[in-house]
Amino acid sequence: MYAQTDDFDEPGPNAPNVELPEEEGPVWNEDQFPNPIPDHPLAPKDGAIELHLSKTPSGSSKDLVFRLTNVSDKPINLLYGTWPYEHAYFQILDHRGKLVKEVNHLILLSLLRGKPKVLHLEPSETYSEALLIFHLAENQLLAGDYKVKAVFRYRDVEVHSDAINLSYSPLEKA
């Protein structure tokens, strides 16, 4: 079961009746997502989430598919400002496994963040999204084959994906 699979529409909250935690002061208001994320009902615990990356189908304009699965026996809620994958960092490694660049979508989100949204995942449910990642580091990468893995950090939970092999070819400028 998938919570979100549409590559083109902006995901919204899929748990419309979930109440967000109450916070006072500038940490939580309608214009800014909280940092750090406050404790809240159904926050995931260690071991509750699995993270997987896979290649996109041939011909796709996206680089990879990002999947978060609730592997616990209880529902979980993940708070986010713009997209659920904003809590993920993508590590681009060379053929020897050496880190070339770590990227995330936070630079793109700084102007878009607003009132928090909720991604609700029932047990065994998966959130899936096809993403671009190479464009976040394109001026720092040469054409070639890379390994990419992800780290998802949410409060005190950190989940790592296995690495996948991807090829990068920079777009030629006209």
C-alpha atoms as a PDB file:
ATOM      1  CA  MET A   1       0.000   0.000   0.000  1.00  0.00           C
ATOM      2  CA  TYR A   2       1.409   3.405  -0.977  1.00  0.00           C
ATOM      3  CA  ALA A   3       0.755   6.715   0.723  1.00  0.00           C
ATOM      4  CA  GLN A   4       2.026   8.897  -2.146  1.00  0.00           C
ATOM      5  CA  THR A   5       3.224   7.877  -5.579  1.00  0.00           C
ATOM      6  CA  ASP A   6       2.428  10.842  -7.806  1.00  0.00           C
ATOM      7  CA  ASP A   7       5.608  12.432  -9.179  1.00  0.00           C
ATOM      8  CA  PHE A   8       3.933  15.599 -10.349  1.00  0.00           C
ATOM      9  CA  ASP A   9       1.426  16.771  -7.756  1.00  0.00           C
ATOM     10  CA  GLU A  10       2.637  18.408  -4.575  1.00  0.00           C
ATOM     11  CA  PRO A  11       1.913  15.963  -1.769  1.00  0.00           C
ATOM     12  CA  GLY A  12      -0.361  17.208   0.956  1.00  0.00           C
ATOM     13  CA  PRO A  13      -1.228  15.789   4.313  1.00  0.00           C
ATOM     14  CA  ASN A  14      -2.755  12.340   3.962  1.00  0.00           C
ATOM     15  CA  ALA A  15      -4.035  12.265   7.549  1.00  0.00           C
ATOM     16  CA  PRO A  16      -6.566  15.122   7.606  1.00  0.00           C
ATOM     17  CA  ASN A  17      -7.811  14.507  11.150  1.00  0.00           C
ATOM     18  CA  VAL A  18      -4.403  14.319  12.807  1.00  0.00           C
ATOM     19  CA  GLU A  19      -3.891  17.057  15.358  1.00  0.00           C
ATOM     20  CA  LEU A  20      -0.491  18.702  15.346  1.00  0.00           C
ATOM     21  CA  PRO A  21       1.333  19.175  18.648  1.00  0.00           C
ATOM     22  CA  GLU A  22       0.707  22.450  20.438  1.00  0.00           C
ATOM     23  CA  GLU A  23       3.733  24.735  20.700  1.00  0.00           C
ATOM     24  CA  GLU A  24       4.113  28.253  21.934  1.00  0.00           C
ATOM     25  CA  GLY A  25       6.181  31.126  20.665  1.00  0.00           C
ATOM     26  CA  PRO A  26       8.237  31.401  17.501  1.00  0.00           C
ATOM     27  CA  VAL A  27       9.092  27.674  17.308  1.00  0.00           C
ATOM     28  CA  TRP A  28       5.721  26.732  15.814  1.00  0.00           C
ATOM     29  CA  ASN A  29       3.519  29.084  13.873  1.00  0.00           C
ATOM     30  CA  GLU A  30       1.730  29.143  10.548  1.00  0.00           C
ATOM     31  CA  ASP A  31       4.754  30.434   8.670  1.00  0.00           C
ATOM     32  CA  GLN A  32       7.585  28.274   9.939  1.00  0.00           C
ATOM     33  CA  PHE A  33       8.168  24.567  10.433  1.00  0.00           C
ATOM     34  CA  PRO A  34       9.578  23.734  13.891  1.00  0.00           C
ATOM     35  CA  ASN A  35      13.235  22.972  14.455  1.00  0.00           C
ATOM     36  CA  PRO A  36      13.828  20.719  16.245  1.00  0.00           C
ATOM     37  CA  ILE A  37      10.743  18.647  15.548  1.00  0.00           C
ATOM     38  CA  PRO A  38       8.694  18.441  18.754  1.00  0.00           C
ATOM     39  CA  ASP A  39       7.593  15.159  20.272  1.00  0.00           C
ATOM     40  CA  HIS A  40       4.127  14.253  19.053  1.00  0.00           C
ATOM     41  CA  PRO A  41       1.637  11.392  19.109  1.00  0.00           C
ATOM     42  CA  LEU A  42       2.598   8.514  16.819  1.00  0.00           C
ATOM     43  CA  ALA A  43       6.168   9.771  16.296  1.00  0.00           C
ATOM     44  CA  PRO A  44       8.234   6.870  14.942  1.00  0.00           C
ATOM     45  CA  LYS A  45      10.503   4.969  17.306  1.00  0.00           C
ATOM     46  CA  ASP A  46      13.822   3.333  16.468  1.00  0.00           C
ATOM     47  CA  GLY A  47      13.275   0.396  14.126  1.00  0.00           C
ATOM     48  CA  ALA A  48       9.841   1.594  12.930  1.00  0.00           C
ATOM     49  CA  ILE A  49      10.974   2.785   9.491  1.00  0.00           C
ATOM     50  CA  GLU A  50      12.816   1.142   6.607  1.00  0.00           C
ATOM     51  CA  LEU A  51      14.313   3.242   3.817  1.00  0.00           C
ATOM     52  CA  HIS A  52      14.855   1.953   0.282  1.00  0.00           C
ATOM     53  CA  LEU A  53      16.146   3.529  -2.906  1.00  0.00           C
ATOM     54  CA  SER A  54      15.680   2.111  -6.385  1.00  0.00           C
ATOM     55  CA  LYS A  55      16.340   3.145  -9.951  1.00  0.00           C
ATOM     56  CA  THR A  56      13.564   4.838 -11.868  1.00  0.00           C
ATOM     57  CA  PRO A  57      12.251   3.175 -15.020  1.00  0.00           C
ATOM     58  CA  SER A  58      14.192   3.809 -18.216  1.00  0.00           C
ATOM     59  CA  GLY A  59      13.221   7.135 -19.770  1.00  0.00           C
ATOM     60  CA  SER A  60      12.160   8.734 -16.500  1.00  0.00           C
ATOM     61  CA  SER A  61      13.223  12.328 -15.889  1.00  0.00           C
ATOM     62  CA  LYS A  62      13.852  11.478 -12.214  1.00  0.00           C
ATOM     63  CA  ASP A  63      17.035   9.953 -10.773  1.00  0.00           C
ATOM     64  CA  LEU A  64      15.682   7.506  -8.195  1.00  0.00           C
ATOM     65  CA  VAL A  65      12.672   6.307  -6.219  1.00  0.00           C
ATOM     66  CA  PHE A  66      12.699   7.043  -2.487  1.00  0.00           C
ATOM     67  CA  ARG A  67      10.578   4.759  -0.251  1.00  0.00           C
ATOM     68  CA  LEU A  68       9.820   4.920   3.472  1.00  0.00           C
ATOM     69  CA  THR A  69       7.972   1.938   4.946  1.00  0.00           C
ATOM     70  CA  ASN A  70       6.401   1.633   8.372  1.00  0.00           C
ATOM     71  CA  VAL A  71       7.684  -1.767   9.537  1.00  0.00           C
ATOM     72  CA  SER A  72       6.250  -1.443  13.044  1.00  0.00           C
ATOM     73  CA  ASP A  73       2.953  -2.856  14.258  1.00  0.00           C
ATOM     74  CA  LYS A  74       1.598   0.652  15.046  1.00  0.00           C
ATOM     75  CA  PRO A  75       0.697   3.640  12.862  1.00  0.00           C
ATOM     76  CA  ILE A  76       3.235   6.467  12.677  1.00  0.00           C
ATOM     77  CA  ASN A  77       3.056  10.164  11.794  1.00  0.00           C
ATOM     78  CA  LEU A  78       5.901  12.100  10.235  1.00  0.00           C
ATOM     79  CA  LEU A  79       5.686  15.896  10.345  1.00  0.00           C
ATOM     80  CA  TYR A  80       7.157  17.807   7.412  1.00  0.00           C
ATOM     81  CA  GLY A  81       7.104  21.311   5.985  1.00  0.00           C
ATOM     82  CA  THR A  82       6.958  20.781   2.226  1.00  0.00           C
ATOM     83  CA  TRP A  83       7.796  17.170   1.308  1.00  0.00           C
ATOM     84  CA  PRO A  84       8.307  14.109   3.535  1.00  0.00           C
ATOM     85  CA  TYR A  85      11.742  13.482   1.998  1.00  0.00           C
ATOM     86  CA  GLU A  86      13.043  16.801   3.350  1.00  0.00           C
ATOM     87  CA  HIS A  87      14.366  14.779   6.309  1.00  0.00           C
ATOM     88  CA  ALA A  88      16.639  12.773   3.973  1.00  0.00           C
ATOM     89  CA  TYR A  89      20.232  13.365   2.927  1.00  0.00           C
ATOM     90  CA  PHE A  90      21.594  11.694  -0.188  1.00  0.00           C
ATOM     91  CA  GLN A  91      25.223  10.603  -0.264  1.00  0.00           C
ATOM     92  CA  ILE A  92      26.839  10.425  -3.696  1.00  0.00           C
ATOM     93  CA  LEU A  93      29.852   8.074  -3.645  1.00  0.00           C
ATOM     94  CA  ASP A  94      32.510   7.398  -6.259  1.00  0.00           C
ATOM     95  CA  HIS A  95      33.387   3.904  -7.557  1.00  0.00           C
ATOM     96  CA  ARG A  96      35.668   3.337  -4.517  1.00  0.00           C
ATOM     97  CA  GLY A  97      32.863   4.184  -2.083  1.00  0.00           C
ATOM     98  CA  LYS A  98      34.377   7.571  -1.163  1.00  0.00           C
ATOM     99  CA  LEU A  99      31.890  10.351  -0.411  1.00  0.00           C
ATOM    100  CA  VAL A 100      31.871  12.878  -3.255  1.00  0.00           C
ATOM    101  CA  LYS A 101      28.928  15.009  -2.156  1.00  0.00           C
ATOM    102  CA  GLU A 102      26.057  14.914   0.344  1.00  0.00           C
ATOM    103  CA  VAL A 103      22.925  16.704  -0.854  1.00  0.00           C
ATOM    104  CA  ASN A 104      19.392  17.330   0.350  1.00  0.00           C
ATOM    105  CA  HIS A 105      16.364  19.261  -0.770  1.00  0.00           C
ATOM    106  CA  LEU A 106      16.444  21.735   2.129  1.00  0.00           C
ATOM    107  CA  ILE A 107      17.975  24.512   0.035  1.00  0.00           C
ATOM    108  CA  LEU A 108      14.970  24.278  -2.278  1.00  0.00           C
ATOM    109  CA  LEU A 109      12.582  24.195   0.648  1.00  0.00           C
ATOM    110  CA  SER A 110      13.791  27.248   2.536  1.00  0.00           C
ATOM    111  CA  LEU A 111      11.299  29.492   0.761  1.00  0.00           C
ATOM    112  CA  LEU A 112       8.492  26.940   0.620  1.00  0.00           C
ATOM    113  CA  ARG A 113       8.271  25.753   4.212  1.00  0.00           C
ATOM    114  CA  GLY A 114       5.125  26.598   6.045  1.00  0.00           C
ATOM    115  CA  LYS A 115       2.683  25.140   8.472  1.00  0.00           C
ATOM    116  CA  PRO A 116       3.576  21.488   9.114  1.00  0.00           C
ATOM    117  CA  LYS A 117       1.860  18.678   7.283  1.00  0.00           C
ATOM    118  CA  VAL A 118       1.518  15.075   8.415  1.00  0.00           C
ATOM    119  CA  LEU A 119       2.436  11.893   6.577  1.00  0.00           C
ATOM    120  CA  HIS A 120       0.461   9.090   8.236  1.00  0.00           C
ATOM    121  CA  LEU A 121       1.658   5.522   7.614  1.00  0.00           C
ATOM    122  CA  GLU A 122      -0.237   2.502   8.846  1.00  0.00           C
ATOM    123  CA  PRO A 123       1.757  -0.693   9.561  1.00  0.00           C
ATOM    124  CA  SER A 124       3.285  -2.020   6.291  1.00  0.00           C
ATOM    125  CA  GLU A 125       2.315   1.148   4.415  1.00  0.00           C
ATOM    126  CA  THR A 126       4.918   2.825   2.186  1.00  0.00           C
ATOM    127  CA  TYR A 127       5.436   6.411   1.083  1.00  0.00           C
ATOM    128  CA  SER A 128       7.066   6.517  -2.348  1.00  0.00           C
ATOM    129  CA  GLU A 129       8.350   9.432  -4.413  1.00  0.00           C
ATOM    130  CA  ALA A 130      10.498   9.666  -7.557  1.00  0.00           C
ATOM    131  CA  LEU A 131      13.176  12.333  -7.043  1.00  0.00           C
ATOM    132  CA  LEU A 132      15.889  14.299  -8.764  1.00  0.00           C
ATOM    133  CA  ILE A 133      19.114  14.423  -6.767  1.00  0.00           C
ATOM    134  CA  PHE A 134      22.004  14.944  -9.181  1.00  0.00           C
ATOM    135  CA  HIS A 135      20.860  18.491 -10.039  1.00  0.00           C
ATOM    136  CA  LEU A 136      21.611  19.449  -6.411  1.00  0.00           C
ATOM    137  CA  ALA A 137      25.316  18.762  -7.045  1.00  0.00           C
ATOM    138  CA  GLU A 138      25.648  19.053 -10.812  1.00  0.00           C
ATOM    139  CA  ASN A 139      28.432  21.658 -10.808  1.00  0.00           C
ATOM    140  CA  GLN A 140      30.512  19.385  -8.578  1.00  0.00           C
ATOM    141  CA  LEU A 141      30.137  16.074 -10.403  1.00  0.00           C
ATOM    142  CA  LEU A 142      31.751  14.678 -13.525  1.00  0.00           C
ATOM    143  CA  ALA A 143      29.847  12.385 -15.854  1.00  0.00           C
ATOM    144  CA  GLY A 144      30.135   8.801 -14.700  1.00  0.00           C
ATOM    145  CA  ASP A 145      28.837   6.043 -12.486  1.00  0.00           C
ATOM    146  CA  TYR A 146      28.110   6.688  -8.827  1.00  0.00           C
ATOM    147  CA  LYS A 147      26.665   4.886  -5.850  1.00  0.00           C
ATOM    148  CA  VAL A 148      23.896   6.743  -4.027  1.00  0.00           C
ATOM    149  CA  LYS A 149      22.565   6.024  -0.577  1.00  0.00           C
ATOM    150  CA  ALA A 150      20.240   7.946   1.703  1.00  0.00           C
ATOM    151  CA  VAL A 151      20.071   8.769   5.380  1.00  0.00           C
ATOM    152  CA  PHE A 152      16.678   9.719   6.838  1.00  0.00           C
ATOM    153  CA  ARG A 153      16.875  11.645  10.118  1.00  0.00           C
ATOM    154  CA  TYR A 154      13.734  12.346  12.108  1.00  0.00           C
ATOM    155  CA  ARG A 155      14.048  13.435  15.742  1.00  0.00           C
ATOM    156  CA  ASP A 156      16.216  10.717  17.335  1.00  0.00           C
ATOM    157  CA  VAL A 157      15.578   8.134  14.580  1.00  0.00           C
ATOM    158  CA  GLU A 158      18.200   7.645  11.850  1.00  0.00           C
ATOM    159  CA  VAL A 159      17.643   5.158   9.028  1.00  0.00           C
ATOM    160  CA  HIS A 160      20.101   4.270   6.234  1.00  0.00           C
ATOM    161  CA  SER A 161      19.328   2.836   2.807  1.00  0.00           C
ATOM    162  CA  ASP A 162      21.490   0.435   0.876  1.00  0.00           C
ATOM    163  CA  ALA A 163      23.490   2.037  -1.951  1.00  0.00           C
ATOM    164  CA  ILE A 164      22.251   1.835  -5.527  1.00  0.00           C
ATOM    165  CA  ASN A 165      24.290   2.357  -8.716  1.00  0.00           C
ATOM    166  CA  LEU A 166      23.324   5.314 -10.890  1.00  0.00           C
ATOM    167  CA  SER A 167      24.908   6.994 -13.883  1.00  0.00           C
ATOM    168  CA  TYR A 168      25.173  10.747 -14.157  1.00  0.00           C
ATOM    169  CA  SER A 169      25.462  12.699 -17.368  1.00  0.00           C
ATOM    170  CA  PRO A 170      25.357  16.481 -17.059  1.00  0.00           C
ATOM    171  CA  LEU A 171      22.973  18.326 -19.335  1.00  0.00           C
ATOM    172  CA  GLU A 172      24.651  20.239 -22.104  1.00  0.00           C
ATOM    173  CA  LYS A 173      24.032  23.974 -21.952  1.00  0.00           C
ATOM    174  CA  ALA A 174      22.695  25.528 -25.115  1.00  0.00           C
END
